[in-house]
């Protein structure tokens, strides 16, 4: 039961996040979003990257680097995500609803 609740919460979070990106794209007219300042855990067993920057174009991550040192499109929407952590998607491939 607990795994099912976790799966549902994650699914709802992903739906909300996808709606947020769609909202950002429609408001700016640009499909480029830059998330700056978060801790990034990339899932490769490397240490977390502090003060990271992710350049997202459409539904693809185009570049990862350090905030303030990255180059990106001038029309990009820059979102300050300091104090937050970005992690890879969590997928429960064996959930029962």
PDB file of N, CA and C in Angstrom:
ATOM      1  N   UNK A   1       0.822  -1.193   0.000  1.00  0.00           N
ATOM      2  CA  UNK A   1       0.000   0.000   0.000  1.00  0.00           C
ATOM      3  C   UNK A   1       0.864   1.255   0.000  1.00  0.00           C
ATOM      4  N   UNK A   2       1.918   1.234   0.796  1.00  0.00           N
ATOM      5  CA  UNK A   2       2.786   2.403   0.908  1.00  0.00           C
ATOM      6  C   UNK A   2       3.471   2.713  -0.424  1.00  0.00           C
ATOM      7  N   UNK A   3       3.888   1.643  -1.152  1.00  0.00           N
ATOM      8  CA  UNK A   3       4.526   1.837  -2.450  1.00  0.00           C
ATOM      9  C   UNK A   3       3.545   2.431  -3.450  1.00  0.00           C
ATOM     10  N   UNK A   4       2.296   2.011  -3.388  1.00  0.00           N
ATOM     11  CA  UNK A   4       1.276   2.537  -4.286  1.00  0.00           C
ATOM     12  C   UNK A   4       1.061   4.025  -4.034  1.00  0.00           C
ATOM     13  N   UNK A   5       0.990   4.418  -2.779  1.00  0.00           N
ATOM     14  CA  UNK A   5       0.811   5.834  -2.437  1.00  0.00           C
ATOM     15  C   UNK A   5       2.003   6.637  -2.936  1.00  0.00           C
ATOM     16  N   UNK A   6       3.218   6.113  -2.746  1.00  0.00           N
ATOM     17  CA  UNK A   6       4.417   6.802  -3.221  1.00  0.00           C
ATOM     18  C   UNK A   6       4.378   6.955  -4.732  1.00  0.00           C
ATOM     19  N   UNK A   7       3.971   5.919  -5.441  1.00  0.00           N
ATOM     20  CA  UNK A   7       3.890   5.967  -6.899  1.00  0.00           C
ATOM     21  C   UNK A   7       2.901   7.019  -7.366  1.00  0.00           C
ATOM     22  N   UNK A   8       1.773   7.088  -6.703  1.00  0.00           N
ATOM     23  CA  UNK A   8       0.749   8.069  -7.069  1.00  0.00           C
ATOM     24  C   UNK A   8       1.251   9.488  -6.802  1.00  0.00           C
ATOM     25  N   UNK A   9       1.913   9.694  -5.678  1.00  0.00           N
ATOM     26  CA  UNK A   9       2.451  11.017  -5.347  1.00  0.00           C
ATOM     27  C   UNK A   9       3.486  11.435  -6.375  1.00  0.00           C
ATOM     28  N   UNK A  10       4.371  10.532  -6.761  1.00  0.00           N
ATOM     29  CA  UNK A  10       5.386  10.840  -7.774  1.00  0.00           C
ATOM     30  C   UNK A  10       4.721  11.152  -9.104  1.00  0.00           C
ATOM     31  N   UNK A  11       3.738  10.364  -9.504  1.00  0.00           N
ATOM     32  CA  UNK A  11       3.044  10.598 -10.767  1.00  0.00           C
ATOM     33  C   UNK A  11       2.375  11.972 -10.781  1.00  0.00           C
ATOM     34  N   UNK A  12       1.732  12.329  -9.693  1.00  0.00           N
ATOM     35  CA  UNK A  12       1.079  13.642  -9.603  1.00  0.00           C
ATOM     36  C   UNK A  12       2.113  14.754  -9.697  1.00  0.00           C
ATOM     37  N   UNK A  13       3.249  14.567  -9.025  1.00  0.00           N
ATOM     38  CA  UNK A  13       4.326  15.565  -9.093  1.00  0.00           C
ATOM     39  C   UNK A  13       4.834  15.756 -10.508  1.00  0.00           C
ATOM     40  N   UNK A  14       5.000  14.665 -11.244  1.00  0.00           N
ATOM     41  CA  UNK A  14       5.477  14.762 -12.624  1.00  0.00           C
ATOM     42  C   UNK A  14       4.455  15.461 -13.517  1.00  0.00           C
ATOM     43  N   UNK A  15       3.183  15.194 -13.300  1.00  0.00           N
ATOM     44  CA  UNK A  15       2.132  15.866 -14.080  1.00  0.00           C
ATOM     45  C   UNK A  15       2.147  17.367 -13.799  1.00  0.00           C
ATOM     46  N   UNK A  16       2.277  17.737 -12.537  1.00  0.00           N
ATOM     47  CA  UNK A  16       2.326  19.154 -12.171  1.00  0.00           C
ATOM     48  C   UNK A  16       3.547  19.817 -12.789  1.00  0.00           C
ATOM     49  N   UNK A  17       4.703  19.145 -12.718  1.00  0.00           N
ATOM     50  CA  UNK A  17       5.931  19.702 -13.286  1.00  0.00           C
ATOM     51  C   UNK A  17       5.810  19.870 -14.790  1.00  0.00           C
ATOM     52  N   UNK A  18       5.216  18.900 -15.483  1.00  0.00           N
ATOM     53  CA  UNK A  18       5.074  19.027 -16.934  1.00  0.00           C
ATOM     54  C   UNK A  18       4.140  20.183 -17.277  1.00  0.00           C
ATOM     55  N   UNK A  19       3.102  20.391 -16.483  1.00  0.00           N
ATOM     56  CA  UNK A  19       2.212  21.534 -16.692  1.00  0.00           C
ATOM     57  C   UNK A  19       2.916  22.848 -16.452  1.00  0.00           C
ATOM     58  N   UNK A  20       3.819  22.877 -15.467  1.00  0.00           N
ATOM     59  CA  UNK A  20       4.579  24.096 -15.183  1.00  0.00           C
ATOM     60  C   UNK A  20       5.471  24.446 -16.358  1.00  0.00           C
ATOM     61  N   UNK A  21       6.172  23.443 -16.940  1.00  0.00           N
ATOM     62  CA  UNK A  21       7.039  23.718 -18.085  1.00  0.00           C
ATOM     63  C   UNK A  21       6.221  24.211 -19.273  1.00  0.00           C
ATOM     64  N   UNK A  22       5.050  23.628 -19.499  1.00  0.00           N
ATOM     65  CA  UNK A  22       4.187  24.091 -20.581  1.00  0.00           C
ATOM     66  C   UNK A  22       3.764  25.533 -20.342  1.00  0.00           C
ATOM     67  N   UNK A  23       3.448  25.870 -19.098  1.00  0.00           N
ATOM     68  CA  UNK A  23       3.067  27.228 -18.740  1.00  0.00           C
ATOM     69  C   UNK A  23       4.213  28.205 -18.986  1.00  0.00           C
ATOM     70  N   UNK A  24       5.421  27.820 -18.600  1.00  0.00           N
ATOM     71  CA  UNK A  24       6.594  28.676 -18.811  1.00  0.00           C
ATOM     72  C   UNK A  24       6.808  28.908 -20.293  1.00  0.00           C
ATOM     73  N   UNK A  25       6.680  27.859 -21.098  1.00  0.00           N
ATOM     74  CA  UNK A  25       6.880  27.995 -22.536  1.00  0.00           C
ATOM     75  C   UNK A  25       5.861  28.938 -23.151  1.00  0.00           C
ATOM     76  N   UNK A  26       4.600  28.842 -22.742  1.00  0.00           N
ATOM     77  CA  UNK A  26       3.579  29.686 -23.340  1.00  0.00           C
ATOM     78  C   UNK A  26       3.716  31.140 -22.916  1.00  0.00           C
ATOM     79  N   UNK A  27       4.182  31.410 -21.702  1.00  0.00           N
ATOM     80  CA  UNK A  27       4.337  32.780 -21.227  1.00  0.00           C
ATOM     81  C   UNK A  27       5.528  33.478 -21.866  1.00  0.00           C
ATOM     82  N   UNK A  28       6.605  32.757 -22.118  1.00  0.00           N
ATOM     83  CA  UNK A  28       7.818  33.381 -22.628  1.00  0.00           C
ATOM     84  C   UNK A  28       7.917  33.318 -24.133  1.00  0.00           C
ATOM     85  N   UNK A  29       7.157  32.416 -24.769  1.00  0.00           N
ATOM     86  CA  UNK A  29       7.278  32.240 -26.206  1.00  0.00           C
ATOM     87  C   UNK A  29       8.539  31.467 -26.566  1.00  0.00           C
ATOM     88  N   UNK A  30       9.294  31.060 -25.585  1.00  0.00           N
ATOM     89  CA  UNK A  30      10.529  30.317 -25.798  1.00  0.00           C
ATOM     90  C   UNK A  30      10.387  28.947 -25.171  1.00  0.00           C
ATOM     91  N   UNK A  31      10.981  27.972 -25.823  1.00  0.00           N
ATOM     92  CA  UNK A  31      10.937  26.632 -25.248  1.00  0.00           C
ATOM     93  C   UNK A  31      12.212  26.345 -24.469  1.00  0.00           C
ATOM     94  N   UNK A  32      13.039  27.371 -24.219  1.00  0.00           N
ATOM     95  CA  UNK A  32      14.279  27.195 -23.467  1.00  0.00           C
ATOM     96  C   UNK A  32      14.079  27.688 -22.036  1.00  0.00           C
ATOM     97  N   UNK A  33      14.310  26.781 -21.081  1.00  0.00           N
ATOM     98  CA  UNK A  33      14.216  27.106 -19.667  1.00  0.00           C
ATOM     99  C   UNK A  33      15.551  26.763 -19.030  1.00  0.00           C
ATOM    100  N   UNK A  34      16.060  27.657 -18.188  1.00  0.00           N
ATOM    101  CA  UNK A  34      17.311  27.423 -17.485  1.00  0.00           C
ATOM    102  C   UNK A  34      17.010  27.382 -15.988  1.00  0.00           C
ATOM    103  N   UNK A  35      17.365  26.266 -15.355  1.00  0.00           N
ATOM    104  CA  UNK A  35      17.209  26.126 -13.910  1.00  0.00           C
ATOM    105  C   UNK A  35      18.574  26.380 -13.291  1.00  0.00           C
ATOM    106  N   UNK A  36      18.683  27.420 -12.465  1.00  0.00           N
ATOM    107  CA  UNK A  36      19.984  27.803 -11.908  1.00  0.00           C
ATOM    108  C   UNK A  36      20.013  27.729 -10.389  1.00  0.00           C
ATOM    109  N   UNK A  37      21.106  27.193  -9.859  1.00  0.00           N
ATOM    110  CA  UNK A  37      21.392  27.279  -8.440  1.00  0.00           C
ATOM    111  C   UNK A  37      21.126  26.043  -7.602  1.00  0.00           C
ATOM    112  N   UNK A  38      20.474  25.034  -8.161  1.00  0.00           N
ATOM    113  CA  UNK A  38      20.116  23.852  -7.366  1.00  0.00           C
ATOM    114  C   UNK A  38      21.297  22.908  -7.193  1.00  0.00           C
ATOM    115  N   UNK A  39      21.171  22.036  -6.210  1.00  0.00           N
ATOM    116  CA  UNK A  39      22.087  20.898  -6.079  1.00  0.00           C
ATOM    117  C   UNK A  39      21.583  19.869  -7.093  1.00  0.00           C
ATOM    118  N   UNK A  40      22.481  19.298  -7.877  1.00  0.00           N
ATOM    119  CA  UNK A  40      22.117  18.321  -8.897  1.00  0.00           C
ATOM    120  C   UNK A  40      22.697  16.959  -8.541  1.00  0.00           C
ATOM    121  N   UNK A  41      21.828  15.990  -8.377  1.00  0.00           N
ATOM    122  CA  UNK A  41      22.242  14.599  -8.201  1.00  0.00           C
ATOM    123  C   UNK A  41      21.898  13.914  -9.512  1.00  0.00           C
ATOM    124  N   UNK A  42      22.932  13.501 -10.266  1.00  0.00           N
ATOM    125  CA  UNK A  42      22.686  13.004 -11.619  1.00  0.00           C
ATOM    126  C   UNK A  42      22.519  11.494 -11.724  1.00  0.00           C
ATOM    127  N   UNK A  43      22.655  10.770 -10.622  1.00  0.00           N
ATOM    128  CA  UNK A  43      22.422   9.336 -10.648  1.00  0.00           C
ATOM    129  C   UNK A  43      23.584   8.519 -11.188  1.00  0.00           C
ATOM    130  N   UNK A  44      24.769   9.119 -11.329  1.00  0.00           N
ATOM    131  CA  UNK A  44      25.933   8.402 -11.854  1.00  0.00           C
ATOM    132  C   UNK A  44      26.930   8.041 -10.755  1.00  0.00           C
ATOM    133  N   UNK A  45      26.500   8.141  -9.511  1.00  0.00           N
ATOM    134  CA  UNK A  45      27.333   7.855  -8.335  1.00  0.00           C
ATOM    135  C   UNK A  45      28.453   8.881  -8.129  1.00  0.00           C
ATOM    136  N   UNK A  46      28.374   9.997  -8.823  1.00  0.00           N
ATOM    137  CA  UNK A  46      29.290  11.109  -8.591  1.00  0.00           C
ATOM    138  C   UNK A  46      28.751  11.939  -7.433  1.00  0.00           C
ATOM    139  N   UNK A  47      29.599  12.759  -6.853  1.00  0.00           N
ATOM    140  CA  UNK A  47      29.137  13.666  -5.809  1.00  0.00           C
ATOM    141  C   UNK A  47      28.120  14.636  -6.390  1.00  0.00           C
ATOM    142  N   UNK A  48      27.174  15.099  -5.578  1.00  0.00           N
ATOM    143  CA  UNK A  48      26.210  16.089  -6.078  1.00  0.00           C
ATOM    144  C   UNK A  48      26.925  17.353  -6.544  1.00  0.00           C
ATOM    145  N   UNK A  49      26.405  17.956  -7.606  1.00  0.00           N
ATOM    146  CA  UNK A  49      26.933  19.239  -8.103  1.00  0.00           C
ATOM    147  C   UNK A  49      26.168  20.351  -7.404  1.00  0.00           C
ATOM    148  N   UNK A  50      26.891  21.218  -6.745  1.00  0.00           N
ATOM    149  CA  UNK A  50      26.268  22.380  -6.108  1.00  0.00           C
ATOM    150  C   UNK A  50      26.189  23.519  -7.126  1.00  0.00           C
ATOM    151  N   UNK A  51      25.229  24.415  -6.951  1.00  0.00           N
ATOM    152  CA  UNK A  51      25.087  25.606  -7.793  1.00  0.00           C
ATOM    153  C   UNK A  51      25.077  25.248  -9.285  1.00  0.00           C
ATOM    154  N   UNK A  52      24.272  24.272  -9.643  1.00  0.00           N
ATOM    155  CA  UNK A  52      24.236  23.791 -11.023  1.00  0.00           C
ATOM    156  C   UNK A  52      23.326  24.647 -11.898  1.00  0.00           C
ATOM    157  N   UNK A  53      23.449  24.423 -13.191  1.00  0.00           N
ATOM    158  CA  UNK A  53      22.566  25.046 -14.174  1.00  0.00           C
ATOM    159  C   UNK A  53      22.171  23.974 -15.183  1.00  0.00           C
ATOM    160  N   UNK A  54      20.889  23.875 -15.476  1.00  0.00           N
ATOM    161  CA  UNK A  54      20.385  22.958 -16.492  1.00  0.00           C
ATOM    162  C   UNK A  54      19.695  23.781 -17.562  1.00  0.00           C
ATOM    163  N   UNK A  55      20.073  23.561 -18.804  1.00  0.00           N
ATOM    164  CA  UNK A  55      19.420  24.221 -19.929  1.00  0.00           C
ATOM    165  C   UNK A  55      18.477  23.194 -20.539  1.00  0.00           C
ATOM    166  N   UNK A  56      17.183  23.496 -20.492  1.00  0.00           N
ATOM    167  CA  UNK A  56      16.161  22.586 -20.984  1.00  0.00           C
ATOM    168  C   UNK A  56      15.505  23.235 -22.195  1.00  0.00           C
ATOM    169  N   UNK A  57      15.534  22.510 -23.314  1.00  0.00           N
ATOM    170  CA  UNK A  57      14.911  23.003 -24.539  1.00  0.00           C
ATOM    171  C   UNK A  57      13.807  22.021 -24.924  1.00  0.00           C
ATOM    172  N   UNK A  58      12.584  22.515 -24.925  1.00  0.00           N
ATOM    173  CA  UNK A  58      11.455  21.624 -25.180  1.00  0.00           C
ATOM    174  C   UNK A  58      11.369  20.611 -24.058  1.00  0.00           C
ATOM    175  N   UNK A  59      11.510  19.336 -24.400  1.00  0.00           N
ATOM    176  CA  UNK A  59      11.470  18.299 -23.370  1.00  0.00           C
ATOM    177  C   UNK A  59      12.808  17.567 -23.241  1.00  0.00           C
ATOM    178  N   UNK A  60      13.901  18.241 -23.634  1.00  0.00           N
ATOM    179  CA  UNK A  60      15.239  17.654 -23.548  1.00  0.00           C
ATOM    180  C   UNK A  60      16.182  18.541 -22.735  1.00  0.00           C
ATOM    181  N   UNK A  61      17.018  17.912 -21.909  1.00  0.00           N
ATOM    182  CA  UNK A  61      18.082  18.642 -21.223  1.00  0.00           C
ATOM    183  C   UNK A  61      19.211  18.799 -22.230  1.00  0.00           C
ATOM    184  N   UNK A  62      19.542  20.034 -22.587  1.00  0.00           N
ATOM    185  CA  UNK A  62      20.555  20.302 -23.618  1.00  0.00           C
ATOM    186  C   UNK A  62      21.948  20.504 -23.046  1.00  0.00           C
ATOM    187  N   UNK A  63      22.041  21.018 -21.815  1.00  0.00           N
ATOM    188  CA  UNK A  63      23.362  21.265 -21.227  1.00  0.00           C
ATOM    189  C   UNK A  63      23.255  21.287 -19.711  1.00  0.00           C
ATOM    190  N   UNK A  64      24.353  20.882 -19.071  1.00  0.00           N
ATOM    191  CA  UNK A  64      24.461  20.926 -17.614  1.00  0.00           C
ATOM    192  C   UNK A  64      25.795  21.558 -17.278  1.00  0.00           C
ATOM    193  N   UNK A  65      25.804  22.479 -16.340  1.00  0.00           N
ATOM    194  CA  UNK A  65      27.048  23.125 -15.939  1.00  0.00           C
ATOM    195  C   UNK A  65      26.882  23.844 -14.620  1.00  0.00           C
ATOM    196  N   UNK A  66      27.698  24.849 -14.434  1.00  0.00           N
ATOM    197  CA  UNK A  66      27.678  25.637 -13.204  1.00  0.00           C
ATOM    198  C   UNK A  66      26.936  26.952 -13.455  1.00  0.00           C
ATOM    199  N   UNK A  67      26.056  27.313 -12.539  1.00  0.00           N
ATOM    200  CA  UNK A  67      25.298  28.562 -12.665  1.00  0.00           C
ATOM    201  C   UNK A  67      26.263  29.742 -12.762  1.00  0.00           C
ATOM    202  N   UNK A  68      25.959  30.655 -13.643  1.00  0.00           N
ATOM    203  CA  UNK A  68      26.788  31.833 -13.828  1.00  0.00           C
ATOM    204  C   UNK A  68      27.922  31.631 -14.814  1.00  0.00           C
ATOM    205  N   UNK A  69      28.180  30.390 -15.202  1.00  0.00           N
ATOM    206  CA  UNK A  69      29.255  30.096 -16.141  1.00  0.00           C
ATOM    207  C   UNK A  69      28.739  29.491 -17.445  1.00  0.00           C
ATOM    208  N   UNK A  70      27.444  29.320 -17.544  1.00  0.00           N
ATOM    209  CA  UNK A  70      26.841  28.695 -18.731  1.00  0.00           C
ATOM    210  C   UNK A  70      26.393  29.769 -19.719  1.00  0.00           C
ATOM    211  N   UNK A  71      26.436  29.418 -20.986  1.00  0.00           N
ATOM    212  CA  UNK A  71      25.866  30.275 -22.029  1.00  0.00           C
ATOM    213  C   UNK A  71      24.568  29.635 -22.497  1.00  0.00           C
ATOM    214  N   UNK A  72      23.566  30.473 -22.718  1.00  0.00           N
ATOM    215  CA  UNK A  72      22.296  29.972 -23.200  1.00  0.00           C
ATOM    216  C   UNK A  72      21.596  31.085 -23.967  1.00  0.00           C
ATOM    217  N   UNK A  73      20.529  30.736 -24.647  1.00  0.00           N
ATOM    218  CA  UNK A  73      19.751  31.644 -25.485  1.00  0.00           C
ATOM    219  C   UNK A  73      19.294  32.858 -24.687  1.00  0.00           C
ATOM    220  N   UNK A  74      19.420  34.054 -25.263  1.00  0.00           N
ATOM    221  CA  UNK A  74      19.047  35.286 -24.555  1.00  0.00           C
ATOM    222  C   UNK A  74      17.566  35.334 -24.194  1.00  0.00           C
ATOM    223  N   UNK A  75      16.728  34.676 -24.956  1.00  0.00           N
ATOM    224  CA  UNK A  75      15.302  34.682 -24.686  1.00  0.00           C
ATOM    225  C   UNK A  75      14.862  33.606 -23.706  1.00  0.00           C
ATOM    226  N   UNK A  76      15.812  32.882 -23.142  1.00  0.00           N
ATOM    227  CA  UNK A  76      15.470  31.778 -22.243  1.00  0.00           C
ATOM    228  C   UNK A  76      14.852  32.287 -20.956  1.00  0.00           C
ATOM    229  N   UNK A  77      13.963  31.510 -20.411  1.00  0.00           N
ATOM    230  CA  UNK A  77      13.381  31.805 -19.105  1.00  0.00           C
ATOM    231  C   UNK A  77      14.311  31.230 -18.048  1.00  0.00           C
ATOM    232  N   UNK A  78      14.860  32.062 -17.178  1.00  0.00           N
ATOM    233  CA  UNK A  78      15.776  31.627 -16.137  1.00  0.00           C
ATOM    234  C   UNK A  78      15.008  31.526 -14.825  1.00  0.00           C
ATOM    235  N   UNK A  79      15.067  30.346 -14.198  1.00  0.00           N
ATOM    236  CA  UNK A  79      14.345  30.092 -12.953  1.00  0.00           C
ATOM    237  C   UNK A  79      15.367  29.865 -11.843  1.00  0.00           C
ATOM    238  N   UNK A  80      15.273  30.659 -10.786  1.00  0.00           N
ATOM    239  CA  UNK A  80      16.162  30.522  -9.630  1.00  0.00           C
ATOM    240  C   UNK A  80      15.659  29.380  -8.765  1.00  0.00           C
ATOM    241  N   UNK A  81      16.440  28.310  -8.684  1.00  0.00           N
ATOM    242  CA  UNK A  81      16.040  27.144  -7.892  1.00  0.00           C
ATOM    243  C   UNK A  81      17.038  26.887  -6.752  1.00  0.00           C
ATOM    244  N   UNK A  82      17.673  27.966  -6.289  1.00  0.00           N
ATOM    245  CA  UNK A  82      18.601  27.818  -5.161  1.00  0.00           C
ATOM    246  C   UNK A  82      17.880  27.222  -3.960  1.00  0.00           C
ATOM    247  N   UNK A  83      18.593  26.357  -3.245  1.00  0.00           N
ATOM    248  CA  UNK A  83      18.018  25.723  -2.070  1.00  0.00           C
ATOM    249  C   UNK A  83      17.219  24.469  -2.379  1.00  0.00           C
ATOM    250  N   UNK A  84      17.145  24.113  -3.648  1.00  0.00           N
ATOM    251  CA  UNK A  84      16.403  22.913  -4.047  1.00  0.00           C
ATOM    252  C   UNK A  84      17.367  21.861  -4.587  1.00  0.00           C
ATOM    253  N   UNK A  85      16.881  20.644  -4.733  1.00  0.00           N
ATOM    254  CA  UNK A  85      17.681  19.544  -5.265  1.00  0.00           C
ATOM    255  C   UNK A  85      16.979  18.968  -6.481  1.00  0.00           C
ATOM    256  N   UNK A  86      17.737  18.738  -7.547  1.00  0.00           N
ATOM    257  CA  UNK A  86      17.211  18.135  -8.769  1.00  0.00           C
ATOM    258  C   UNK A  86      17.771  16.715  -8.838  1.00  0.00           C
ATOM    259  N   UNK A  87      16.875  15.735  -9.041  1.00  0.00           N
ATOM    260  CA  UNK A  87      17.289  14.340  -9.122  1.00  0.00           C
ATOM    261  C   UNK A  87      16.706  13.716 -10.384  1.00  0.00           C
ATOM    262  N   UNK A  88      17.238  12.561 -10.805  1.00  0.00           N
ATOM    263  CA  UNK A  88      16.649  11.867 -11.958  1.00  0.00           C
ATOM    264  C   UNK A  88      15.226  11.414 -11.638  1.00  0.00           C
ATOM    265  N   UNK A  89      14.479  11.120 -12.668  1.00  0.00           N
ATOM    266  CA  UNK A  89      13.119  10.610 -12.486  1.00  0.00           C
ATOM    267  C   UNK A  89      13.115   9.353 -11.642  1.00  0.00           C
ATOM    268  N   UNK A  90      12.121   9.237 -10.824  1.00  0.00           N
ATOM    269  CA  UNK A  90      11.931   8.022 -10.049  1.00  0.00           C
ATOM    270  C   UNK A  90      10.807   7.240 -10.712  1.00  0.00           C
ATOM    271  N   UNK A  91      11.093   6.028 -11.096  1.00  0.00           N
ATOM    272  CA  UNK A  91      10.106   5.215 -11.801  1.00  0.00           C
ATOM    273  C   UNK A  91       9.891   3.924 -11.033  1.00  0.00           C
ATOM    274  N   UNK A  92       8.658   3.630 -10.736  1.00  0.00           N
ATOM    275  CA  UNK A  92       8.300   2.375 -10.106  1.00  0.00           C
ATOM    276  C   UNK A  92       7.768   1.485 -11.211  1.00  0.00           C
ATOM    277  N   UNK A  93       8.589   0.565 -11.693  1.00  0.00           N
ATOM    278  CA  UNK A  93       8.173  -0.292 -12.812  1.00  0.00           C
ATOM    279  C   UNK A  93       7.391  -1.509 -12.350  1.00  0.00           C
ATOM    280  N   UNK A  94       7.132  -1.606 -11.054  1.00  0.00           N
ATOM    281  CA  UNK A  94       6.377  -2.757 -10.554  1.00  0.00           C
ATOM    282  C   UNK A  94       5.311  -2.303  -9.555  1.00  0.00           C
ATOM    283  N   UNK A  95       4.509  -1.364  -9.985  1.00  0.00           N
ATOM    284  CA  UNK A  95       3.451  -0.877  -9.106  1.00  0.00           C
ATOM    285  C   UNK A  95       2.111  -1.475  -9.477  1.00  0.00           C
ATOM    286  N   UNK A  96       1.274  -1.633  -8.498  1.00  0.00           N
ATOM    287  CA  UNK A  96      -0.085  -2.144  -8.730  1.00  0.00           C
ATOM    288  C   UNK A  96      -1.056  -1.080  -8.237  1.00  0.00           C
ATOM    289  N   UNK A  97      -1.971  -0.715  -9.103  1.00  0.00           N
ATOM    290  CA  UNK A  97      -2.997   0.261  -8.709  1.00  0.00           C
ATOM    291  C   UNK A  97      -4.320  -0.415  -8.499  1.00  0.00           C
TER     292      UNK A  97
END
